[in-house]
Structures are given as structure tokens and as C-alpha cells.
């Protein structure tokens, strides 16, 4: 399979509660499985990254700035999606020197037992620049897990779009793509947690305050 043009981005923030080490182990497990599948792996975190986890990545990026705003935008101060967006851009900026064309993005706390090379090929087979889920409406684009052409991501969700994030990130990305007339390049999966038939259950809930039992495989 031709996966050498695609890098996986894993975004992470573990918080400061008693679940820190458990969440860190989630990230380590996901990174290990993706890297061992042959996919170039980049971990972009707003929490410190231990040496063992770094060994299961090709690139590990730690950014201490977990701010929910950039230069005062958005005007609301509670959207943690802005910090998530900066992690994505930290990763993409670092990946540029390798010449990758696509990214496969996951948060650190999803089901780690997937066939990642096959998922990449399935996403490419759609012929679209972006493959993602959506909430139970037709005005969102999922940011929790997606496959994207890097140029399309940078065109439609640059940090210049952060002013849109007075709403959740999913609405902000949809608004940007729609206004630019590029919706025809998006393939929507049948559900937010159903990524082309793959279960993308998230194992930390409530902004990370509740942690479910994780399948460490």
C-alpha cells in the first residue's frame, strides 16, 4: 500500500488530575500501534511527553501554551478546540520538511486497534480532500478524527480562521469550507464516531474529567 505520503498526527493534553499517567499511557499505546503499522507518527502535545512515548513516534512536539485564544480570538474564552487547533498546526508545520501530502489525525484517547494503512487507502479511495464525520446535523465537520490533504487543511483551517471559534471547532471548520465553496471536496462518514466503518470511540469524556477503561492492545 502507498502510505509513504501520509503522516499520522496524534494530539494530546492529559490535564493535571489523577488520570494523567493513565492518559499518557493511552497516547503511548496509540503512537506505538500506528508507528508499528508503518505510518509516520507525529505526537503534538500540550502536556509533557515522557521518553518512552517519544520512542514510539517519529516526531514528538511539546507546546506548553495550552491557551484557548490566539491574539484575543475568539472572543469567548472557553473553547478548548483552539488549543487543539494549534497542536494540529504545530504538527503540520513540523511535517512540511518531509514532503507529506496527507495527514490522518486522531486524539490520543481513541480505540488503538485499527488497520491504519488500510484506513489511509480507504480514505484516498473516496477521491476527496477531506474525510471526516459530523455531528448529528449537516452544519459541522468533525475535527476529532479525520483524513485530509495538507494543502486543503491549511487553506480551510489556518490559524487565521480562529475568529470563527466562538462556536465549537466543528462548526468553525464547516463555515470556512462552505464560504470558500469547497464542500464538494469533503466526504462525510455516516457518524461522528464511525470513520469509514471503524469505531472511533473516545475513552476520556467531559473534557477529560471522566476516563473509561481503555483497551491497551
N, C-alpha and C. Protein backbone atom coordinates (compact mmCIF):
# COMPACT_ATOMS: atom_id res chain seq x y z
N UNK A 1 0.83 -1.19 0.00
CA UNK A 1 0.00 0.00 0.00
C UNK A 1 0.87 1.25 0.00
N UNK A 2 0.44 2.26 -0.71
CA UNK A 2 1.20 3.51 -0.80
C UNK A 2 0.81 4.44 0.33
N UNK A 3 1.50 4.31 1.48
CA UNK A 3 1.17 5.16 2.63
C UNK A 3 2.29 6.13 2.94
N UNK A 4 3.36 6.13 2.15
CA UNK A 4 4.51 6.96 2.47
C UNK A 4 4.26 8.45 2.30
N UNK A 5 3.15 8.81 1.67
CA UNK A 5 2.83 10.23 1.50
C UNK A 5 1.91 10.73 2.61
N UNK A 6 1.66 9.90 3.63
CA UNK A 6 0.71 10.24 4.69
C UNK A 6 1.37 10.10 6.05
N UNK A 7 1.15 11.10 6.90
CA UNK A 7 1.63 11.05 8.28
C UNK A 7 0.44 11.09 9.22
N UNK A 8 0.55 10.38 10.31
CA UNK A 8 -0.47 10.42 11.35
C UNK A 8 -0.12 11.49 12.37
N UNK A 9 -1.12 12.27 12.75
CA UNK A 9 -0.98 13.27 13.81
C UNK A 9 -1.84 12.84 14.99
N UNK A 10 -1.22 12.74 16.15
CA UNK A 10 -1.95 12.46 17.39
C UNK A 10 -1.84 13.70 18.26
N UNK A 11 -2.98 14.26 18.66
CA UNK A 11 -2.97 15.42 19.54
C UNK A 11 -3.28 14.98 20.96
N UNK A 12 -2.67 15.68 21.94
CA UNK A 12 -2.81 15.23 23.31
C UNK A 12 -2.77 16.38 24.30
N UNK A 13 -3.57 16.23 25.35
CA UNK A 13 -3.47 17.03 26.57
C UNK A 13 -4.00 16.17 27.69
N UNK A 14 -3.17 15.93 28.72
CA UNK A 14 -3.51 14.96 29.75
C UNK A 14 -4.09 15.60 31.02
N UNK A 15 -4.11 16.91 31.09
CA UNK A 15 -4.60 17.57 32.28
C UNK A 15 -3.66 17.40 33.45
N UNK A 16 -4.15 17.67 34.65
CA UNK A 16 -3.30 17.59 35.85
C UNK A 16 -3.96 16.77 36.96
N UNK A 17 -4.96 15.95 36.59
CA UNK A 17 -5.66 15.19 37.61
C UNK A 17 -5.01 13.82 37.82
N UNK A 18 -5.67 12.98 38.58
CA UNK A 18 -5.11 11.67 38.92
C UNK A 18 -5.03 10.73 37.73
N UNK A 19 -5.67 11.11 36.61
CA UNK A 19 -5.65 10.25 35.43
C UNK A 19 -4.51 10.57 34.47
N UNK A 20 -3.61 11.47 34.86
CA UNK A 20 -2.53 11.91 33.96
C UNK A 20 -1.75 10.72 33.40
N UNK A 21 -1.25 9.85 34.26
CA UNK A 21 -0.42 8.74 33.80
C UNK A 21 -1.21 7.74 32.96
N UNK A 22 -2.48 7.56 33.31
CA UNK A 22 -3.33 6.66 32.54
C UNK A 22 -3.52 7.21 31.13
N UNK A 23 -3.78 8.51 31.02
CA UNK A 23 -3.95 9.14 29.71
C UNK A 23 -2.65 9.11 28.93
N UNK A 24 -1.55 9.33 29.62
CA UNK A 24 -0.24 9.27 28.97
C UNK A 24 0.00 7.89 28.36
N UNK A 25 -0.44 6.86 29.08
CA UNK A 25 -0.30 5.50 28.57
C UNK A 25 -1.21 5.25 27.38
N UNK A 26 -2.39 5.90 27.34
CA UNK A 26 -3.25 5.83 26.16
C UNK A 26 -2.48 6.35 24.94
N UNK A 27 -1.89 7.52 25.08
CA UNK A 27 -1.15 8.13 23.97
C UNK A 27 0.00 7.23 23.53
N UNK A 28 0.71 6.66 24.49
CA UNK A 28 1.84 5.79 24.17
C UNK A 28 1.37 4.58 23.37
N UNK A 29 0.26 3.99 23.79
CA UNK A 29 -0.28 2.81 23.11
C UNK A 29 -0.69 3.14 21.68
N UNK A 30 -1.39 4.25 21.50
CA UNK A 30 -1.84 4.65 20.16
C UNK A 30 -0.65 4.93 19.26
N UNK A 31 0.32 5.70 19.76
CA UNK A 31 1.51 6.01 18.96
C UNK A 31 2.27 4.74 18.58
N UNK A 32 2.43 3.84 19.53
CA UNK A 32 3.15 2.58 19.26
C UNK A 32 2.46 1.80 18.15
N UNK A 33 1.14 1.68 18.23
CA UNK A 33 0.41 0.88 17.24
C UNK A 33 0.47 1.51 15.86
N UNK A 34 0.34 2.83 15.79
CA UNK A 34 0.39 3.50 14.49
C UNK A 34 1.79 3.39 13.89
N UNK A 35 2.81 3.68 14.68
CA UNK A 35 4.18 3.62 14.16
C UNK A 35 4.55 2.20 13.74
N UNK A 36 4.15 1.21 14.55
CA UNK A 36 4.46 -0.19 14.21
C UNK A 36 3.74 -0.66 12.95
N UNK A 37 2.67 0.06 12.56
CA UNK A 37 1.96 -0.30 11.33
C UNK A 37 2.67 0.24 10.09
N UNK A 38 3.71 1.05 10.29
CA UNK A 38 4.46 1.59 9.17
C UNK A 38 4.09 3.01 8.79
N UNK A 39 3.20 3.64 9.55
CA UNK A 39 2.78 5.01 9.26
C UNK A 39 3.63 5.98 10.08
N UNK A 40 4.16 7.00 9.42
CA UNK A 40 4.95 8.04 10.08
C UNK A 40 4.08 8.70 11.14
N UNK A 41 4.61 8.82 12.37
CA UNK A 41 3.79 9.20 13.51
C UNK A 41 4.32 10.46 14.19
N UNK A 42 3.44 11.45 14.32
CA UNK A 42 3.78 12.71 14.97
C UNK A 42 2.83 12.95 16.14
N UNK A 43 3.39 13.06 17.34
CA UNK A 43 2.61 13.37 18.53
C UNK A 43 2.78 14.85 18.86
N UNK A 44 1.67 15.58 18.89
CA UNK A 44 1.69 17.01 19.22
C UNK A 44 0.92 17.20 20.52
N UNK A 45 1.60 17.61 21.56
CA UNK A 45 1.01 17.60 22.89
C UNK A 45 1.16 18.94 23.58
N UNK A 46 0.14 19.29 24.38
CA UNK A 46 0.22 20.43 25.29
C UNK A 46 0.55 19.96 26.71
N UNK A 47 0.85 18.67 26.85
CA UNK A 47 1.37 18.11 28.11
C UNK A 47 2.76 17.55 27.82
N UNK A 48 3.59 17.48 28.85
CA UNK A 48 4.94 16.94 28.66
C UNK A 48 4.87 15.50 28.18
N UNK A 49 5.87 15.11 27.41
CA UNK A 49 5.91 13.78 26.79
C UNK A 49 7.08 13.00 27.35
N UNK A 50 6.81 11.86 27.94
CA UNK A 50 7.87 11.05 28.54
C UNK A 50 8.72 10.39 27.46
N UNK A 51 9.91 10.01 27.85
CA UNK A 51 10.88 9.46 26.89
C UNK A 51 10.38 8.16 26.26
N UNK A 52 9.71 7.32 27.03
CA UNK A 52 9.22 6.06 26.47
C UNK A 52 8.23 6.30 25.34
N UNK A 53 7.33 7.26 25.54
CA UNK A 53 6.36 7.58 24.49
C UNK A 53 7.06 8.14 23.27
N UNK A 54 8.05 9.00 23.47
CA UNK A 54 8.79 9.58 22.35
C UNK A 54 9.39 8.50 21.46
N UNK A 55 9.80 7.40 22.04
CA UNK A 55 10.41 6.32 21.26
C UNK A 55 9.41 5.66 20.31
N UNK A 56 8.11 5.84 20.60
CA UNK A 56 7.08 5.27 19.73
C UNK A 56 6.55 6.28 18.73
N UNK A 57 7.29 7.35 18.50
CA UNK A 57 6.92 8.35 17.50
C UNK A 57 8.10 8.62 16.58
N UNK A 58 7.82 9.20 15.44
CA UNK A 58 8.89 9.75 14.59
C UNK A 58 9.21 11.18 14.98
N UNK A 59 8.18 11.92 15.41
CA UNK A 59 8.34 13.28 15.90
C UNK A 59 7.46 13.45 17.14
N UNK A 60 8.01 14.04 18.20
CA UNK A 60 7.23 14.40 19.38
C UNK A 60 7.38 15.90 19.62
N UNK A 61 6.25 16.59 19.73
CA UNK A 61 6.25 18.04 19.90
C UNK A 61 5.53 18.40 21.19
N UNK A 62 6.22 19.14 22.05
CA UNK A 62 5.60 19.62 23.29
C UNK A 62 5.49 21.14 23.23
N UNK A 63 4.28 21.63 23.33
CA UNK A 63 4.00 23.07 23.35
C UNK A 63 3.31 23.37 24.67
N UNK A 64 3.98 24.12 25.54
CA UNK A 64 3.44 24.41 26.87
C UNK A 64 2.25 25.35 26.84
N UNK A 65 2.04 26.04 25.71
CA UNK A 65 0.96 27.01 25.62
C UNK A 65 -0.34 26.31 25.24
N UNK A 66 -1.19 26.09 26.23
CA UNK A 66 -2.49 25.44 26.01
C UNK A 66 -3.61 26.47 25.99
N UNK A 67 -3.31 27.68 25.49
CA UNK A 67 -4.27 28.77 25.51
C UNK A 67 -5.49 28.46 24.65
N UNK A 68 -6.62 29.03 25.07
CA UNK A 68 -7.87 28.87 24.34
C UNK A 68 -8.13 30.06 23.42
N UNK A 69 -7.16 30.97 23.30
CA UNK A 69 -7.26 32.12 22.41
C UNK A 69 -5.92 32.35 21.71
N UNK A 70 -5.99 33.02 20.55
CA UNK A 70 -4.80 33.47 19.83
C UNK A 70 -5.00 34.96 19.55
N UNK A 71 -4.15 35.79 20.15
CA UNK A 71 -4.28 37.24 19.97
C UNK A 71 -5.69 37.74 20.26
N UNK A 72 -6.29 37.19 21.33
CA UNK A 72 -7.61 37.63 21.74
C UNK A 72 -8.77 37.05 20.96
N UNK A 73 -8.48 36.14 20.03
CA UNK A 73 -9.52 35.48 19.24
C UNK A 73 -9.55 34.00 19.54
N UNK A 74 -10.74 33.41 19.63
CA UNK A 74 -12.06 34.03 19.55
C UNK A 74 -12.34 34.85 20.80
N UNK A 75 -13.41 35.59 20.80
CA UNK A 75 -13.71 36.43 21.95
C UNK A 75 -14.18 35.61 23.14
N UNK A 76 -14.75 34.42 22.90
CA UNK A 76 -15.08 33.53 24.01
C UNK A 76 -13.79 32.91 24.53
N UNK A 77 -13.77 32.54 25.78
CA UNK A 77 -12.52 32.04 26.38
C UNK A 77 -12.61 30.58 26.80
N UNK A 78 -13.71 29.89 26.43
CA UNK A 78 -13.90 28.53 26.92
C UNK A 78 -13.73 27.46 25.85
N UNK A 79 -13.31 27.81 24.64
CA UNK A 79 -13.24 26.83 23.55
C UNK A 79 -11.88 26.15 23.52
N UNK A 80 -11.80 24.97 24.13
CA UNK A 80 -10.53 24.23 24.15
C UNK A 80 -10.12 23.78 22.75
N UNK A 81 -11.05 23.84 21.79
CA UNK A 81 -10.72 23.48 20.42
C UNK A 81 -9.60 24.33 19.84
N UNK A 82 -9.44 25.56 20.32
CA UNK A 82 -8.36 26.42 19.81
C UNK A 82 -7.01 25.82 20.16
N UNK A 83 -6.88 25.30 21.37
CA UNK A 83 -5.64 24.63 21.75
C UNK A 83 -5.41 23.39 20.89
N UNK A 84 -6.49 22.68 20.60
CA UNK A 84 -6.39 21.51 19.71
C UNK A 84 -5.93 21.93 18.32
N UNK A 85 -6.46 23.05 17.83
CA UNK A 85 -6.10 23.53 16.51
C UNK A 85 -4.62 23.92 16.45
N UNK A 86 -4.12 24.55 17.50
CA UNK A 86 -2.70 24.91 17.49
C UNK A 86 -1.82 23.66 17.48
N UNK A 87 -2.25 22.60 18.16
CA UNK A 87 -1.49 21.35 18.11
C UNK A 87 -1.44 20.78 16.70
N UNK A 88 -2.58 20.82 16.00
CA UNK A 88 -2.59 20.35 14.62
C UNK A 88 -1.60 21.13 13.77
N UNK A 89 -1.60 22.44 13.94
CA UNK A 89 -0.69 23.28 13.14
C UNK A 89 0.76 23.09 13.56
N UNK A 90 1.02 22.88 14.83
CA UNK A 90 2.38 22.55 15.25
C UNK A 90 2.88 21.31 14.51
N UNK A 91 2.01 20.31 14.42
CA UNK A 91 2.38 19.07 13.75
C UNK A 91 2.59 19.28 12.25
N UNK A 92 1.63 19.94 11.60
CA UNK A 92 1.73 20.15 10.15
C UNK A 92 2.97 20.96 9.81
N UNK A 93 3.27 21.98 10.59
CA UNK A 93 4.45 22.81 10.33
C UNK A 93 5.72 21.99 10.44
N UNK A 94 5.75 21.06 11.38
CA UNK A 94 6.93 20.21 11.54
C UNK A 94 7.04 19.18 10.42
N UNK A 95 5.89 18.73 9.91
CA UNK A 95 5.88 17.70 8.87
C UNK A 95 6.23 18.25 7.48
N UNK A 96 6.15 19.55 7.31
CA UNK A 96 6.36 20.15 5.99
C UNK A 96 7.70 19.74 5.37
N UNK A 97 8.73 19.64 6.19
CA UNK A 97 10.06 19.37 5.63
C UNK A 97 10.19 17.95 5.09
N UNK A 98 9.21 17.09 5.39
CA UNK A 98 9.27 15.70 4.92
C UNK A 98 8.49 15.50 3.61
N UNK A 99 7.76 16.50 3.19
CA UNK A 99 7.05 16.42 1.92
C UNK A 99 5.80 15.58 1.92
N UNK A 100 5.17 15.38 3.07
CA UNK A 100 3.93 14.61 3.12
C UNK A 100 2.81 15.35 2.41
N UNK A 101 1.89 14.59 1.84
CA UNK A 101 0.75 15.17 1.13
C UNK A 101 -0.54 15.10 1.95
N UNK A 102 -0.64 14.09 2.82
CA UNK A 102 -1.86 13.87 3.58
C UNK A 102 -1.55 13.71 5.07
N UNK A 103 -2.58 13.96 5.89
CA UNK A 103 -2.50 13.68 7.31
C UNK A 103 -3.71 12.84 7.73
N UNK A 104 -3.47 11.97 8.70
CA UNK A 104 -4.52 11.20 9.35
C UNK A 104 -4.47 11.60 10.81
N UNK A 105 -5.51 12.26 11.29
CA UNK A 105 -5.47 12.87 12.62
C UNK A 105 -6.38 12.16 13.61
N UNK A 106 -5.84 11.90 14.82
CA UNK A 106 -6.60 11.32 15.92
C UNK A 106 -6.26 12.05 17.21
N UNK A 107 -7.19 12.10 18.17
CA UNK A 107 -6.81 12.46 19.53
C UNK A 107 -6.14 11.25 20.18
N UNK A 108 -5.50 11.46 21.31
CA UNK A 108 -4.70 10.41 21.94
C UNK A 108 -5.54 9.29 22.54
N UNK A 109 -6.85 9.53 22.74
CA UNK A 109 -7.65 8.65 23.58
C UNK A 109 -8.69 7.85 22.81
N UNK A 110 -8.37 7.48 21.56
CA UNK A 110 -9.31 6.68 20.77
C UNK A 110 -8.87 5.22 20.73
N UNK A 111 -9.77 4.39 20.24
CA UNK A 111 -9.51 2.97 20.05
C UNK A 111 -8.19 2.77 19.30
N UNK A 112 -7.22 2.05 19.91
CA UNK A 112 -5.90 1.93 19.27
C UNK A 112 -5.75 0.75 18.32
N UNK A 113 -6.79 -0.03 18.16
CA UNK A 113 -6.67 -1.29 17.41
C UNK A 113 -7.33 -1.15 16.04
N UNK A 114 -6.66 -0.46 15.12
CA UNK A 114 -7.16 -0.24 13.77
C UNK A 114 -6.10 -0.66 12.76
N UNK A 115 -6.56 -0.92 11.55
CA UNK A 115 -5.63 -1.17 10.44
C UNK A 115 -5.35 0.19 9.79
N UNK A 116 -4.33 0.87 10.25
CA UNK A 116 -4.08 2.25 9.82
C UNK A 116 -3.71 2.37 8.34
N UNK A 117 -2.84 1.51 7.81
CA UNK A 117 -2.56 1.60 6.36
C UNK A 117 -3.81 1.41 5.51
N UNK A 118 -4.68 0.46 5.90
CA UNK A 118 -5.91 0.24 5.14
C UNK A 118 -6.84 1.43 5.26
N UNK A 119 -6.91 2.03 6.44
CA UNK A 119 -7.75 3.20 6.63
C UNK A 119 -7.29 4.35 5.73
N UNK A 120 -5.99 4.53 5.61
CA UNK A 120 -5.45 5.56 4.72
C UNK A 120 -5.86 5.30 3.28
N UNK A 121 -5.73 4.05 2.84
CA UNK A 121 -6.10 3.71 1.47
C UNK A 121 -7.60 3.90 1.25
N UNK A 122 -8.41 3.55 2.23
CA UNK A 122 -9.86 3.72 2.11
C UNK A 122 -10.22 5.21 2.01
N UNK A 123 -9.53 6.04 2.76
CA UNK A 123 -9.78 7.48 2.68
C UNK A 123 -9.39 8.02 1.30
N UNK A 124 -8.26 7.60 0.80
CA UNK A 124 -7.82 8.04 -0.53
C UNK A 124 -8.81 7.61 -1.60
N UNK A 125 -9.38 6.43 -1.41
CA UNK A 125 -10.29 5.88 -2.43
C UNK A 125 -11.56 6.71 -2.58
N UNK A 126 -11.87 7.55 -1.61
CA UNK A 126 -13.05 8.42 -1.74
C UNK A 126 -12.82 9.50 -2.80
N UNK A 127 -11.56 9.79 -3.11
CA UNK A 127 -11.24 10.82 -4.08
C UNK A 127 -11.44 12.24 -3.55
N UNK A 128 -11.62 12.38 -2.23
CA UNK A 128 -11.88 13.68 -1.64
C UNK A 128 -10.64 14.21 -0.90
N UNK A 129 -10.63 15.52 -0.67
CA UNK A 129 -9.52 16.16 0.05
C UNK A 129 -9.66 16.04 1.55
N UNK A 130 -10.87 15.76 2.01
CA UNK A 130 -11.12 15.66 3.45
C UNK A 130 -12.14 14.56 3.70
N UNK A 131 -11.82 13.68 4.63
CA UNK A 131 -12.73 12.61 5.04
C UNK A 131 -12.93 12.74 6.54
N UNK A 132 -14.18 12.90 6.94
CA UNK A 132 -14.46 13.12 8.36
C UNK A 132 -15.90 12.76 8.67
N UNK A 133 -16.19 12.68 9.97
CA UNK A 133 -17.56 12.53 10.42
C UNK A 133 -18.19 13.89 10.64
N UNK A 134 -19.40 13.87 11.15
CA UNK A 134 -20.05 15.11 11.53
C UNK A 134 -20.99 14.80 12.68
N UNK A 135 -21.33 15.85 13.44
CA UNK A 135 -22.32 15.66 14.49
C UNK A 135 -23.66 15.35 13.84
N UNK A 136 -24.67 15.18 14.65
CA UNK A 136 -25.99 14.79 14.13
C UNK A 136 -26.69 16.00 13.51
N UNK A 137 -26.03 16.60 12.52
CA UNK A 137 -26.58 17.73 11.79
C UNK A 137 -25.80 17.86 10.50
N UNK A 138 -26.13 18.83 9.67
CA UNK A 138 -25.44 18.99 8.40
C UNK A 138 -24.67 20.31 8.35
N UNK A 139 -24.24 20.80 9.52
CA UNK A 139 -23.50 22.07 9.56
C UNK A 139 -22.22 21.95 10.37
N UNK A 140 -21.66 20.74 10.44
CA UNK A 140 -20.39 20.53 11.14
C UNK A 140 -19.47 19.65 10.31
N UNK A 141 -18.17 19.79 10.56
CA UNK A 141 -17.14 18.89 10.05
C UNK A 141 -16.36 18.40 11.26
N UNK A 142 -16.26 17.09 11.41
CA UNK A 142 -15.59 16.52 12.57
C UNK A 142 -14.10 16.86 12.61
N UNK A 143 -13.63 17.29 13.77
CA UNK A 143 -12.21 17.60 13.95
C UNK A 143 -11.53 16.60 14.86
N UNK A 144 -12.31 15.69 15.41
CA UNK A 144 -11.78 14.74 16.37
C UNK A 144 -10.95 13.65 15.68
N UNK A 145 -11.40 13.19 14.53
CA UNK A 145 -10.63 12.24 13.73
C UNK A 145 -10.93 12.52 12.27
N UNK A 146 -9.90 12.68 11.47
CA UNK A 146 -10.12 12.96 10.05
C UNK A 146 -8.88 12.64 9.23
N UNK A 147 -9.08 12.54 7.92
CA UNK A 147 -8.01 12.39 6.93
C UNK A 147 -8.11 13.61 6.02
N UNK A 148 -6.97 14.24 5.72
CA UNK A 148 -7.03 15.45 4.91
C UNK A 148 -5.80 15.62 4.05
N UNK A 149 -6.03 16.18 2.88
CA UNK A 149 -4.94 16.73 2.09
C UNK A 149 -4.38 17.93 2.85
N UNK A 150 -3.08 17.98 3.06
CA UNK A 150 -2.49 19.03 3.89
C UNK A 150 -2.78 20.42 3.32
N UNK A 151 -2.69 20.58 2.02
CA UNK A 151 -2.96 21.90 1.43
C UNK A 151 -4.41 22.31 1.67
N UNK A 152 -5.33 21.35 1.60
CA UNK A 152 -6.74 21.65 1.85
C UNK A 152 -6.95 22.06 3.31
N UNK A 153 -6.30 21.35 4.22
CA UNK A 153 -6.39 21.71 5.63
C UNK A 153 -5.88 23.13 5.87
N UNK A 154 -4.73 23.44 5.30
CA UNK A 154 -4.15 24.77 5.51
C UNK A 154 -4.99 25.87 4.86
N UNK A 155 -5.62 25.57 3.74
CA UNK A 155 -6.45 26.56 3.06
C UNK A 155 -7.75 26.83 3.83
N UNK A 156 -8.31 25.78 4.41
CA UNK A 156 -9.64 25.92 5.02
C UNK A 156 -9.62 26.09 6.53
N UNK A 157 -8.50 25.74 7.18
CA UNK A 157 -8.49 25.86 8.64
C UNK A 157 -7.14 26.36 9.15
N UNK A 158 -6.67 27.44 8.53
CA UNK A 158 -5.47 28.10 9.00
C UNK A 158 -5.76 28.77 10.34
N UNK A 159 -4.73 29.21 11.03
CA UNK A 159 -4.94 29.91 12.29
C UNK A 159 -5.58 31.27 12.08
N UNK A 160 -5.64 31.72 10.84
CA UNK A 160 -6.37 32.95 10.54
C UNK A 160 -7.88 32.76 10.68
N UNK A 161 -8.32 31.50 10.73
CA UNK A 161 -9.74 31.20 10.87
C UNK A 161 -10.19 31.14 12.33
N UNK A 162 -9.27 31.39 13.26
CA UNK A 162 -9.59 31.17 14.67
C UNK A 162 -10.71 32.09 15.16
N UNK A 163 -10.93 33.21 14.48
CA UNK A 163 -12.02 34.10 14.88
C UNK A 163 -13.37 33.40 14.80
N UNK A 164 -13.46 32.36 13.98
CA UNK A 164 -14.72 31.62 13.84
C UNK A 164 -15.03 30.77 15.08
N UNK A 165 -14.06 30.59 15.94
CA UNK A 165 -14.18 29.61 17.02
C UNK A 165 -14.92 30.13 18.24
N UNK A 166 -15.74 31.17 18.07
CA UNK A 166 -16.72 31.48 19.10
C UNK A 166 -17.70 30.32 19.21
N UNK A 167 -17.82 29.57 18.12
CA UNK A 167 -18.57 28.32 18.12
C UNK A 167 -17.58 27.17 18.22
N UNK A 168 -18.09 25.97 18.45
CA UNK A 168 -17.21 24.80 18.51
C UNK A 168 -16.43 24.65 17.20
N UNK A 169 -15.28 24.00 17.31
CA UNK A 169 -14.38 23.84 16.17
C UNK A 169 -15.08 23.21 14.97
N UNK A 170 -15.98 22.28 15.24
CA UNK A 170 -16.68 21.57 14.16
C UNK A 170 -17.52 22.51 13.31
N UNK A 171 -18.16 23.47 13.95
CA UNK A 171 -18.95 24.47 13.22
C UNK A 171 -18.03 25.44 12.48
N UNK A 172 -16.92 25.80 13.14
CA UNK A 172 -16.00 26.76 12.55
C UNK A 172 -15.39 26.23 11.25
N UNK A 173 -15.00 24.97 11.23
CA UNK A 173 -14.39 24.41 10.03
C UNK A 173 -15.43 24.31 8.91
N UNK A 174 -16.63 23.87 9.27
CA UNK A 174 -17.70 23.80 8.27
C UNK A 174 -17.94 25.17 7.64
N UNK A 175 -18.03 26.22 8.46
CA UNK A 175 -18.28 27.57 7.95
C UNK A 175 -17.19 28.00 6.98
N UNK A 176 -15.94 27.70 7.31
CA UNK A 176 -14.83 28.08 6.45
C UNK A 176 -14.90 27.36 5.10
N UNK A 177 -15.11 26.04 5.14
CA UNK A 177 -15.18 25.26 3.89
C UNK A 177 -16.35 25.72 3.03
N UNK A 178 -17.50 25.95 3.66
CA UNK A 178 -18.68 26.37 2.91
C UNK A 178 -18.48 27.74 2.27
N UNK A 179 -17.96 28.70 3.03
CA UNK A 179 -17.76 30.04 2.49
C UNK A 179 -16.76 30.06 1.34
N UNK A 180 -15.81 29.13 1.35
CA UNK A 180 -14.82 29.06 0.29
C UNK A 180 -15.32 28.24 -0.90
N UNK A 181 -16.53 27.70 -0.81
CA UNK A 181 -17.11 26.95 -1.92
C UNK A 181 -16.42 25.62 -2.18
N UNK A 182 -15.95 24.98 -1.12
CA UNK A 182 -15.14 23.76 -1.29
C UNK A 182 -15.80 22.51 -0.71
N UNK A 183 -17.09 22.58 -0.42
CA UNK A 183 -17.75 21.47 0.23
C UNK A 183 -17.76 20.21 -0.63
N UNK A 184 -17.67 20.35 -1.93
CA UNK A 184 -17.68 19.18 -2.81
C UNK A 184 -16.45 18.30 -2.61
N UNK A 185 -15.44 18.82 -1.94
CA UNK A 185 -14.21 18.07 -1.71
C UNK A 185 -14.20 17.32 -0.38
N UNK A 186 -15.34 17.31 0.31
CA UNK A 186 -15.44 16.66 1.62
C UNK A 186 -16.27 15.39 1.52
N UNK A 187 -15.74 14.30 2.06
CA UNK A 187 -16.51 13.05 2.20
C UNK A 187 -16.91 12.91 3.65
N UNK A 188 -18.21 12.83 3.91
CA UNK A 188 -18.70 12.68 5.26
C UNK A 188 -18.98 11.22 5.56
N UNK A 189 -18.44 10.74 6.67
CA UNK A 189 -18.75 9.38 7.12
C UNK A 189 -20.14 9.37 7.73
N UNK A 190 -20.65 8.18 8.02
CA UNK A 190 -22.05 8.05 8.43
C UNK A 190 -22.31 8.48 9.86
N UNK A 191 -21.27 8.75 10.63
CA UNK A 191 -21.46 9.19 12.01
C UNK A 191 -20.18 9.78 12.55
N UNK A 192 -20.28 10.50 13.67
CA UNK A 192 -19.10 11.17 14.21
C UNK A 192 -18.04 10.17 14.67
N UNK A 193 -18.48 9.06 15.26
CA UNK A 193 -17.53 8.07 15.76
C UNK A 193 -17.35 6.88 14.82
N UNK A 194 -17.96 6.96 13.64
CA UNK A 194 -17.85 5.89 12.66
C UNK A 194 -17.01 6.40 11.50
N UNK A 195 -15.73 6.04 11.49
CA UNK A 195 -14.80 6.53 10.48
C UNK A 195 -14.62 5.45 9.42
N UNK A 196 -15.43 5.53 8.36
CA UNK A 196 -15.41 4.54 7.28
C UNK A 196 -15.53 3.13 7.83
N UNK A 197 -16.47 2.96 8.76
CA UNK A 197 -16.72 1.64 9.32
C UNK A 197 -15.88 1.30 10.53
N UNK A 198 -14.96 2.18 10.92
CA UNK A 198 -14.11 1.94 12.08
C UNK A 198 -14.67 2.65 13.31
N UNK A 199 -14.72 1.94 14.41
CA UNK A 199 -15.22 2.52 15.66
C UNK A 199 -14.18 3.46 16.26
N UNK A 200 -14.53 4.74 16.36
CA UNK A 200 -13.60 5.74 16.87
C UNK A 200 -14.03 6.23 18.26
N UNK A 201 -14.42 5.30 19.12
CA UNK A 201 -14.81 5.65 20.48
C UNK A 201 -13.71 6.43 21.18
N UNK A 202 -14.09 7.50 21.88
CA UNK A 202 -13.15 8.29 22.66
C UNK A 202 -13.26 7.86 24.12
N UNK A 203 -12.11 7.59 24.76
CA UNK A 203 -12.11 6.97 26.07
C UNK A 203 -11.91 7.94 27.23
N UNK A 204 -11.87 9.23 26.94
CA UNK A 204 -11.96 10.22 28.02
C UNK A 204 -13.08 11.18 27.66
N UNK A 205 -13.93 11.45 28.61
CA UNK A 205 -15.13 12.24 28.37
C UNK A 205 -15.16 13.46 29.28
N UNK A 206 -16.11 14.36 29.00
CA UNK A 206 -16.28 15.53 29.86
C UNK A 206 -15.03 16.36 29.93
N UNK A 207 -14.45 16.68 28.74
CA UNK A 207 -13.19 17.45 28.67
C UNK A 207 -12.09 16.75 29.46
N UNK A 208 -12.11 15.42 29.44
CA UNK A 208 -11.04 14.64 30.06
C UNK A 208 -11.23 14.35 31.53
N UNK A 209 -12.37 14.74 32.11
CA UNK A 209 -12.58 14.55 33.55
C UNK A 209 -13.03 13.13 33.90
N UNK A 210 -13.57 12.42 32.92
CA UNK A 210 -14.01 11.04 33.13
C UNK A 210 -13.28 10.14 32.15
N UNK A 211 -12.66 9.10 32.65
CA UNK A 211 -11.86 8.20 31.82
C UNK A 211 -12.48 6.82 31.84
N UNK A 212 -12.75 6.28 30.66
CA UNK A 212 -13.31 4.94 30.54
C UNK A 212 -12.17 3.91 30.50
N UNK A 213 -12.51 2.65 30.71
CA UNK A 213 -11.49 1.60 30.66
C UNK A 213 -10.98 1.47 29.24
N UNK A 214 -9.68 1.62 29.06
CA UNK A 214 -9.07 1.69 27.74
C UNK A 214 -8.54 0.31 27.32
N UNK A 215 -8.74 -0.06 26.04
CA UNK A 215 -8.23 -1.36 25.57
C UNK A 215 -6.74 -1.26 25.19
N UNK A 216 -5.88 -1.50 26.16
CA UNK A 216 -4.43 -1.41 25.90
C UNK A 216 -3.98 -2.66 25.12
N UNK A 217 -4.03 -2.55 23.79
CA UNK A 217 -3.66 -3.69 22.94
C UNK A 217 -2.51 -3.30 22.03
